[in-house]
């Protein structure tokens, strides 16, 4: 009889270890909450994660941040930082590729809500009413751009080629400016692919005269020449 009672008492104390761990964790939790009004987010996540270790006959986890927590914060931020660095390098390459070219033939601009916008503009590329590219004048530019799009910095990114017309363009070969602007974008794509650009990473869009270039909305011969253009956009992650 005495031996049976002793076994029951011994078996009944097994829950104390788990209960003690839980009380300790709760104490540490409230100390952190009340002792530091500005609680570090990573530390708070670590504290909450420690409670998942509680269970039947198991103890809690360590609350020490250590090197693992710091590594987790760094890894979480690494992809976006790497993408931003790649875009910066791509801008530098794009600028260096056109450094010797005239500014009225090609422009590069970084627009946060769109990405890197490379504008092929002016009569150097397209004559009024024509989708044909003057390849003899623009071969070097298109060749440099094809190498840029095939670079390691832009591996896996998406490029959108946007065709445009000016406000007065007509052509006997196209029903409207929509078809003409689409043909311009497609012709640029074909030349880039011929020069080695990765075809699968491109999209083609036609805008006709619906989106004049910023600052060139007025209906003048100079502005119309600027709007007979194709824009190649290296898309940001949010625009994919």
C-alpha atoms as a PDB file:
ATOM      1  CA  UNK A   1       0.000   0.000   0.000  1.00  0.00           C
ATOM      2  CA  UNK A   2       2.768   2.447   0.921  1.00  0.00           C
ATOM      3  CA  UNK A   3       4.757   1.488  -2.212  1.00  0.00           C
ATOM      4  CA  UNK A   4       1.735   2.189  -4.475  1.00  0.00           C
ATOM      5  CA  UNK A   5       1.201   5.637  -2.964  1.00  0.00           C
ATOM      6  CA  UNK A   6       4.906   6.456  -3.448  1.00  0.00           C
ATOM      7  CA  UNK A   7       4.714   5.545  -7.175  1.00  0.00           C
ATOM      8  CA  UNK A   8       1.633   7.733  -7.645  1.00  0.00           C
ATOM      9  CA  UNK A   9       3.379  10.716  -6.059  1.00  0.00           C
ATOM     10  CA  UNK A  10       6.468  10.202  -8.238  1.00  0.00           C
ATOM     11  CA  UNK A  11       4.438   9.881 -11.458  1.00  0.00           C
ATOM     12  CA  UNK A  12       2.376  12.930 -10.654  1.00  0.00           C
ATOM     13  CA  UNK A  13       5.320  15.344 -10.609  1.00  0.00           C
ATOM     14  CA  UNK A  14       6.310  14.945 -14.314  1.00  0.00           C
ATOM     15  CA  UNK A  15       4.325  18.003 -15.376  1.00  0.00           C
ATOM     16  CA  UNK A  16       6.394  20.319 -13.178  1.00  0.00           C
ATOM     17  CA  UNK A  17       9.238  20.620 -15.704  1.00  0.00           C
ATOM     18  CA  UNK A  18       6.970  21.792 -18.524  1.00  0.00           C
ATOM     19  CA  UNK A  19       5.044  24.079 -16.185  1.00  0.00           C
ATOM     20  CA  UNK A  20       8.289  25.618 -14.883  1.00  0.00           C
ATOM     21  CA  UNK A  21       9.508  26.263 -18.455  1.00  0.00           C
ATOM     22  CA  UNK A  22       6.226  27.917 -19.335  1.00  0.00           C
ATOM     23  CA  UNK A  23       6.295  30.173 -16.264  1.00  0.00           C
ATOM     24  CA  UNK A  24       9.915  31.127 -17.012  1.00  0.00           C
ATOM     25  CA  UNK A  25       9.067  32.008 -20.599  1.00  0.00           C
ATOM     26  CA  UNK A  26       6.077  34.080 -19.505  1.00  0.00           C
ATOM     27  CA  UNK A  27       8.249  35.929 -16.986  1.00  0.00           C
ATOM     28  CA  UNK A  28      10.872  36.707 -19.640  1.00  0.00           C
ATOM     29  CA  UNK A  29       8.137  37.746 -22.053  1.00  0.00           C
ATOM     30  CA  UNK A  30       6.651  40.322 -19.667  1.00  0.00           C
ATOM     31  CA  UNK A  31      10.087  41.578 -18.635  1.00  0.00           C
ATOM     32  CA  UNK A  32      10.860  42.282 -22.278  1.00  0.00           C
ATOM     33  CA  UNK A  33       7.478  43.911 -22.805  1.00  0.00           C
ATOM     34  CA  UNK A  34       7.654  46.176 -19.755  1.00  0.00           C
ATOM     35  CA  UNK A  35      11.375  46.803 -19.625  1.00  0.00           C
ATOM     36  CA  UNK A  36      11.921  48.097 -23.164  1.00  0.00           C
ATOM     37  CA  UNK A  37       9.186  50.316 -24.692  1.00  0.00           C
ATOM     38  CA  UNK A  38      10.759  50.033 -28.172  1.00  0.00           C
ATOM     39  CA  UNK A  39      10.820  46.294 -28.725  1.00  0.00           C
ATOM     40  CA  UNK A  40      12.970  45.032 -31.571  1.00  0.00           C
ATOM     41  CA  UNK A  41      10.804  43.209 -34.097  1.00  0.00           C
ATOM     42  CA  UNK A  42      13.277  40.382 -34.666  1.00  0.00           C
ATOM     43  CA  UNK A  43      13.622  39.806 -30.919  1.00  0.00           C
ATOM     44  CA  UNK A  44       9.858  39.756 -30.487  1.00  0.00           C
ATOM     45  CA  UNK A  45       9.506  37.155 -33.244  1.00  0.00           C
ATOM     46  CA  UNK A  46      12.181  35.099 -31.532  1.00  0.00           C
ATOM     47  CA  UNK A  47      10.296  35.259 -28.223  1.00  0.00           C
ATOM     48  CA  UNK A  48       7.030  34.202 -29.829  1.00  0.00           C
ATOM     49  CA  UNK A  49       8.750  31.370 -31.679  1.00  0.00           C
ATOM     50  CA  UNK A  50      10.056  30.046 -28.363  1.00  0.00           C
ATOM     51  CA  UNK A  51       6.531  29.278 -27.178  1.00  0.00           C
ATOM     52  CA  UNK A  52       6.090  26.754 -29.983  1.00  0.00           C
ATOM     53  CA  UNK A  53       8.546  24.533 -28.127  1.00  0.00           C
ATOM     54  CA  UNK A  54       6.056  23.928 -25.294  1.00  0.00           C
ATOM     55  CA  UNK A  55       4.247  20.632 -25.353  1.00  0.00           C
ATOM     56  CA  UNK A  56       3.780  17.432 -23.334  1.00  0.00           C
ATOM     57  CA  UNK A  57       7.005  16.608 -21.483  1.00  0.00           C
ATOM     58  CA  UNK A  58       9.090  19.088 -23.542  1.00  0.00           C
ATOM     59  CA  UNK A  59      10.934  22.185 -22.472  1.00  0.00           C
ATOM     60  CA  UNK A  60      11.120  25.628 -24.049  1.00  0.00           C
ATOM     61  CA  UNK A  61      13.644  26.917 -26.574  1.00  0.00           C
ATOM     62  CA  UNK A  62      16.437  29.362 -25.974  1.00  0.00           C
ATOM     63  CA  UNK A  63      15.686  33.087 -26.072  1.00  0.00           C
ATOM     64  CA  UNK A  64      19.219  34.116 -26.964  1.00  0.00           C
ATOM     65  CA  UNK A  65      19.292  35.937 -30.341  1.00  0.00           C
ATOM     66  CA  UNK A  66      22.827  34.824 -31.152  1.00  0.00           C
ATOM     67  CA  UNK A  67      24.208  34.754 -34.696  1.00  0.00           C
ATOM     68  CA  UNK A  68      21.244  32.818 -36.081  1.00  0.00           C
ATOM     69  CA  UNK A  69      18.768  35.674 -35.572  1.00  0.00           C
ATOM     70  CA  UNK A  70      21.134  38.177 -37.164  1.00  0.00           C
ATOM     71  CA  UNK A  71      21.666  35.869 -40.103  1.00  0.00           C
ATOM     72  CA  UNK A  72      17.904  35.516 -40.548  1.00  0.00           C
ATOM     73  CA  UNK A  73      17.445  39.287 -40.710  1.00  0.00           C
ATOM     74  CA  UNK A  74      20.239  39.576 -43.254  1.00  0.00           C
ATOM     75  CA  UNK A  75      18.920  36.763 -45.432  1.00  0.00           C
ATOM     76  CA  UNK A  76      15.420  38.277 -45.407  1.00  0.00           C
ATOM     77  CA  UNK A  77      16.712  41.559 -46.810  1.00  0.00           C
ATOM     78  CA  UNK A  78      19.228  39.999 -49.189  1.00  0.00           C
ATOM     79  CA  UNK A  79      17.037  39.344 -52.283  1.00  0.00           C
ATOM     80  CA  UNK A  80      15.696  42.915 -52.523  1.00  0.00           C
ATOM     81  CA  UNK A  81      19.127  44.396 -51.925  1.00  0.00           C
ATOM     82  CA  UNK A  82      20.620  42.169 -54.588  1.00  0.00           C
ATOM     83  CA  UNK A  83      17.921  43.105 -57.115  1.00  0.00           C
ATOM     84  CA  UNK A  84      18.449  46.814 -56.433  1.00  0.00           C
ATOM     85  CA  UNK A  85      22.200  46.437 -56.881  1.00  0.00           C
ATOM     86  CA  UNK A  86      21.631  44.592 -60.164  1.00  0.00           C
ATOM     87  CA  UNK A  87      19.402  47.406 -61.426  1.00  0.00           C
ATOM     88  CA  UNK A  88      22.033  49.990 -60.526  1.00  0.00           C
ATOM     89  CA  UNK A  89      24.644  48.037 -62.455  1.00  0.00           C
ATOM     90  CA  UNK A  90      22.247  47.723 -65.394  1.00  0.00           C
ATOM     91  CA  UNK A  91      21.768  51.500 -65.479  1.00  0.00           C
ATOM     92  CA  UNK A  92      25.520  52.018 -65.542  1.00  0.00           C
ATOM     93  CA  UNK A  93      25.913  49.520 -68.373  1.00  0.00           C
ATOM     94  CA  UNK A  94      23.099  51.136 -70.354  1.00  0.00           C
ATOM     95  CA  UNK A  95      24.645  54.566 -69.989  1.00  0.00           C
ATOM     96  CA  UNK A  96      28.116  53.356 -70.934  1.00  0.00           C
ATOM     97  CA  UNK A  97      26.675  51.560 -73.967  1.00  0.00           C
ATOM     98  CA  UNK A  98      25.291  54.814 -75.389  1.00  0.00           C
ATOM     99  CA  UNK A  99      27.949  57.218 -74.136  1.00  0.00           C
ATOM    100  CA  UNK A 100      29.239  57.864 -77.643  1.00  0.00           C
ATOM    101  CA  UNK A 101      25.776  58.174 -79.177  1.00  0.00           C
ATOM    102  CA  UNK A 102      23.830  61.416 -79.618  1.00  0.00           C
ATOM    103  CA  UNK A 103      21.159  62.138 -77.038  1.00  0.00           C
ATOM    104  CA  UNK A 104      18.431  62.764 -79.631  1.00  0.00           C
ATOM    105  CA  UNK A 105      18.677  59.127 -80.768  1.00  0.00           C
ATOM    106  CA  UNK A 106      18.484  57.317 -77.442  1.00  0.00           C
ATOM    107  CA  UNK A 107      17.698  58.244 -73.842  1.00  0.00           C
ATOM    108  CA  UNK A 108      17.870  56.276 -70.580  1.00  0.00           C
ATOM    109  CA  UNK A 109      15.770  57.110 -67.532  1.00  0.00           C
ATOM    110  CA  UNK A 110      15.101  55.312 -64.260  1.00  0.00           C
ATOM    111  CA  UNK A 111      11.410  55.715 -63.357  1.00  0.00           C
ATOM    112  CA  UNK A 112      10.681  53.963 -60.015  1.00  0.00           C
ATOM    113  CA  UNK A 113       7.075  53.036 -60.827  1.00  0.00           C
ATOM    114  CA  UNK A 114       8.062  51.551 -64.196  1.00  0.00           C
ATOM    115  CA  UNK A 115      11.730  50.561 -64.175  1.00  0.00           C
ATOM    116  CA  UNK A 116      14.574  51.528 -66.490  1.00  0.00           C
ATOM    117  CA  UNK A 117      13.121  53.155 -69.609  1.00  0.00           C
ATOM    118  CA  UNK A 118      15.293  53.177 -72.736  1.00  0.00           C
ATOM    119  CA  UNK A 119      13.779  55.394 -75.438  1.00  0.00           C
ATOM    120  CA  UNK A 120      14.652  54.959 -79.124  1.00  0.00           C
ATOM    121  CA  UNK A 121      13.431  58.139 -80.695  1.00  0.00           C
ATOM    122  CA  UNK A 122      13.712  60.594 -83.551  1.00  0.00           C
ATOM    123  CA  UNK A 123      13.943  60.154 -87.312  1.00  0.00           C
ATOM    124  CA  UNK A 124      17.158  58.156 -86.821  1.00  0.00           C
ATOM    125  CA  UNK A 125      14.978  55.107 -86.130  1.00  0.00           C
ATOM    126  CA  UNK A 126      11.650  55.644 -87.937  1.00  0.00           C
ATOM    127  CA  UNK A 127      10.493  57.762 -90.829  1.00  0.00           C
ATOM    128  CA  UNK A 128       6.936  59.183 -90.648  1.00  0.00           C
ATOM    129  CA  UNK A 129       4.347  56.511 -91.389  1.00  0.00           C
ATOM    130  CA  UNK A 130       6.944  53.712 -91.549  1.00  0.00           C
ATOM    131  CA  UNK A 131       7.731  50.840 -89.171  1.00  0.00           C
ATOM    132  CA  UNK A 132      11.099  50.171 -90.806  1.00  0.00           C
ATOM    133  CA  UNK A 133      14.200  50.698 -88.674  1.00  0.00           C
ATOM    134  CA  UNK A 134      17.104  52.576 -90.270  1.00  0.00           C
ATOM    135  CA  UNK A 135      19.489  49.797 -89.347  1.00  0.00           C
ATOM    136  CA  UNK A 136      22.530  51.382 -90.977  1.00  0.00           C
ATOM    137  CA  UNK A 137      22.340  54.353 -88.590  1.00  0.00           C
ATOM    138  CA  UNK A 138      21.244  52.456 -85.503  1.00  0.00           C
ATOM    139  CA  UNK A 139      23.065  49.124 -85.749  1.00  0.00           C
ATOM    140  CA  UNK A 140      25.626  49.987 -83.041  1.00  0.00           C
ATOM    141  CA  UNK A 141      22.960  51.121 -80.604  1.00  0.00           C
ATOM    142  CA  UNK A 142      20.817  48.001 -81.065  1.00  0.00           C
ATOM    143  CA  UNK A 143      23.863  45.750 -80.836  1.00  0.00           C
ATOM    144  CA  UNK A 144      24.915  47.381 -77.540  1.00  0.00           C
ATOM    145  CA  UNK A 145      21.383  47.050 -76.163  1.00  0.00           C
ATOM    146  CA  UNK A 146      21.192  43.372 -77.123  1.00  0.00           C
ATOM    147  CA  UNK A 147      24.392  42.712 -75.175  1.00  0.00           C
ATOM    148  CA  UNK A 148      22.962  44.656 -72.223  1.00  0.00           C
ATOM    149  CA  UNK A 149      19.760  42.569 -72.180  1.00  0.00           C
ATOM    150  CA  UNK A 150      21.839  39.404 -72.344  1.00  0.00           C
ATOM    151  CA  UNK A 151      24.063  40.422 -69.419  1.00  0.00           C
ATOM    152  CA  UNK A 152      24.276  38.598 -66.095  1.00  0.00           C
ATOM    153  CA  UNK A 153      22.872  41.633 -64.222  1.00  0.00           C
ATOM    154  CA  UNK A 154      19.592  41.330 -66.109  1.00  0.00           C
ATOM    155  CA  UNK A 155      19.321  37.544 -66.139  1.00  0.00           C
ATOM    156  CA  UNK A 156      15.694  36.483 -65.707  1.00  0.00           C
ATOM    157  CA  UNK A 157      14.240  39.996 -65.872  1.00  0.00           C
ATOM    158  CA  UNK A 158      11.391  40.967 -68.195  1.00  0.00           C
ATOM    159  CA  UNK A 159      11.730  43.616 -70.914  1.00  0.00           C
ATOM    160  CA  UNK A 160       8.691  45.308 -72.453  1.00  0.00           C
ATOM    161  CA  UNK A 161       8.969  46.931 -75.883  1.00  0.00           C
ATOM    162  CA  UNK A 162       6.364  49.687 -76.293  1.00  0.00           C
ATOM    163  CA  UNK A 163       5.610  51.066 -79.765  1.00  0.00           C
ATOM    164  CA  UNK A 164       4.335  54.639 -80.331  1.00  0.00           C
ATOM    165  CA  UNK A 165       3.330  56.970 -83.171  1.00  0.00           C
ATOM    166  CA  UNK A 166       2.996  60.719 -83.410  1.00  0.00           C
ATOM    167  CA  UNK A 167      -0.364  62.464 -83.460  1.00  0.00           C
ATOM    168  CA  UNK A 168      -0.577  62.850 -87.258  1.00  0.00           C
ATOM    169  CA  UNK A 169       0.919  59.664 -88.643  1.00  0.00           C
ATOM    170  CA  UNK A 170      -0.910  57.735 -91.344  1.00  0.00           C
ATOM    171  CA  UNK A 171       0.180  54.921 -93.608  1.00  0.00           C
ATOM    172  CA  UNK A 172      -1.429  53.214 -96.622  1.00  0.00           C
ATOM    173  CA  UNK A 173      -0.111  49.896 -95.294  1.00  0.00           C
ATOM    174  CA  UNK A 174      -1.650  50.068 -91.815  1.00  0.00           C
ATOM    175  CA  UNK A 175      -5.255  50.440 -90.777  1.00  0.00           C
ATOM    176  CA  UNK A 176      -4.417  52.701 -87.813  1.00  0.00           C
ATOM    177  CA  UNK A 177      -1.655  53.885 -85.553  1.00  0.00           C
ATOM    178  CA  UNK A 178      -2.175  50.790 -83.404  1.00  0.00           C
ATOM    179  CA  UNK A 179      -0.931  48.478 -86.137  1.00  0.00           C
ATOM    180  CA  UNK A 180       1.907  50.872 -87.053  1.00  0.00           C
ATOM    181  CA  UNK A 181       3.145  51.169 -83.448  1.00  0.00           C
ATOM    182  CA  UNK A 182       2.915  47.388 -83.011  1.00  0.00           C
ATOM    183  CA  UNK A 183       4.995  46.870 -86.165  1.00  0.00           C
ATOM    184  CA  UNK A 184       7.657  49.269 -84.869  1.00  0.00           C
ATOM    185  CA  UNK A 185       7.914  47.417 -81.555  1.00  0.00           C
ATOM    186  CA  UNK A 186       8.098  44.049 -83.323  1.00  0.00           C
ATOM    187  CA  UNK A 187      10.812  45.230 -85.711  1.00  0.00           C
ATOM    188  CA  UNK A 188      12.950  46.434 -82.803  1.00  0.00           C
ATOM    189  CA  UNK A 189      12.419  43.064 -81.096  1.00  0.00           C
ATOM    190  CA  UNK A 190      13.547  41.151 -84.186  1.00  0.00           C
ATOM    191  CA  UNK A 191      16.762  43.160 -84.488  1.00  0.00           C
ATOM    192  CA  UNK A 192      17.561  42.752 -80.787  1.00  0.00           C
ATOM    193  CA  UNK A 193      17.024  38.991 -80.990  1.00  0.00           C
ATOM    194  CA  UNK A 194      19.174  38.826 -84.131  1.00  0.00           C
ATOM    195  CA  UNK A 195      21.946  40.546 -82.164  1.00  0.00           C
ATOM    196  CA  UNK A 196      21.673  38.009 -79.328  1.00  0.00           C
ATOM    197  CA  UNK A 197      19.015  39.316 -76.891  1.00  0.00           C
ATOM    198  CA  UNK A 198      16.999  36.575 -75.079  1.00  0.00           C
ATOM    199  CA  UNK A 199      13.649  36.463 -76.898  1.00  0.00           C
ATOM    200  CA  UNK A 200      11.718  34.729 -74.103  1.00  0.00           C
ATOM    201  CA  UNK A 201      12.246  37.684 -71.730  1.00  0.00           C
ATOM    202  CA  UNK A 202      10.432  40.212 -73.965  1.00  0.00           C
ATOM    203  CA  UNK A 203       6.886  41.524 -74.159  1.00  0.00           C
ATOM    204  CA  UNK A 204       5.522  43.706 -76.990  1.00  0.00           C
ATOM    205  CA  UNK A 205       2.903  46.457 -76.477  1.00  0.00           C
ATOM    206  CA  UNK A 206       1.391  49.009 -78.897  1.00  0.00           C
ATOM    207  CA  UNK A 207       0.120  52.431 -77.774  1.00  0.00           C
ATOM    208  CA  UNK A 208      -0.432  54.279 -81.083  1.00  0.00           C
ATOM    209  CA  UNK A 209      -0.443  58.020 -80.214  1.00  0.00           C
ATOM    210  CA  UNK A 210      -2.220  57.564 -76.882  1.00  0.00           C
ATOM    211  CA  UNK A 211       0.877  58.145 -74.728  1.00  0.00           C
ATOM    212  CA  UNK A 212       3.014  61.037 -75.966  1.00  0.00           C
ATOM    213  CA  UNK A 213       6.421  61.441 -74.365  1.00  0.00           C
ATOM    214  CA  UNK A 214       6.507  63.694 -71.314  1.00  0.00           C
ATOM    215  CA  UNK A 215       7.303  67.263 -72.348  1.00  0.00           C
ATOM    216  CA  UNK A 216       6.583  66.566 -76.027  1.00  0.00           C
ATOM    217  CA  UNK A 217       2.780  66.716 -76.062  1.00  0.00           C
ATOM    218  CA  UNK A 218       2.582  69.843 -78.261  1.00  0.00           C
ATOM    219  CA  UNK A 219       1.854  69.233 -81.936  1.00  0.00           C
ATOM    220  CA  UNK A 220       5.091  70.518 -83.479  1.00  0.00           C
ATOM    221  CA  UNK A 221       7.377  68.831 -86.032  1.00  0.00           C
ATOM    222  CA  UNK A 222      10.102  68.405 -83.401  1.00  0.00           C
ATOM    223  CA  UNK A 223       7.715  66.868 -80.866  1.00  0.00           C
ATOM    224  CA  UNK A 224       6.183  64.576 -83.468  1.00  0.00           C
ATOM    225  CA  UNK A 225       9.668  63.281 -84.293  1.00  0.00           C
ATOM    226  CA  UNK A 226      10.243  62.557 -80.595  1.00  0.00           C
ATOM    227  CA  UNK A 227       6.957  60.640 -80.404  1.00  0.00           C
ATOM    228  CA  UNK A 228       7.765  58.383 -83.356  1.00  0.00           C
ATOM    229  CA  UNK A 229       9.509  56.177 -80.876  1.00  0.00           C
ATOM    230  CA  UNK A 230       9.898  52.813 -79.205  1.00  0.00           C
ATOM    231  CA  UNK A 231      10.481  52.512 -75.467  1.00  0.00           C
ATOM    232  CA  UNK A 232      12.147  49.442 -73.981  1.00  0.00           C
ATOM    233  CA  UNK A 233      11.317  49.068 -70.286  1.00  0.00           C
ATOM    234  CA  UNK A 234      13.331  46.884 -67.925  1.00  0.00           C
ATOM    235  CA  UNK A 235      10.439  46.112 -65.638  1.00  0.00           C
ATOM    236  CA  UNK A 236      10.541  46.435 -61.869  1.00  0.00           C
ATOM    237  CA  UNK A 237       9.356  43.521 -59.723  1.00  0.00           C
ATOM    238  CA  UNK A 238       6.012  45.215 -59.107  1.00  0.00           C
ATOM    239  CA  UNK A 239       5.287  45.539 -62.833  1.00  0.00           C
ATOM    240  CA  UNK A 240       5.916  41.920 -63.843  1.00  0.00           C
END
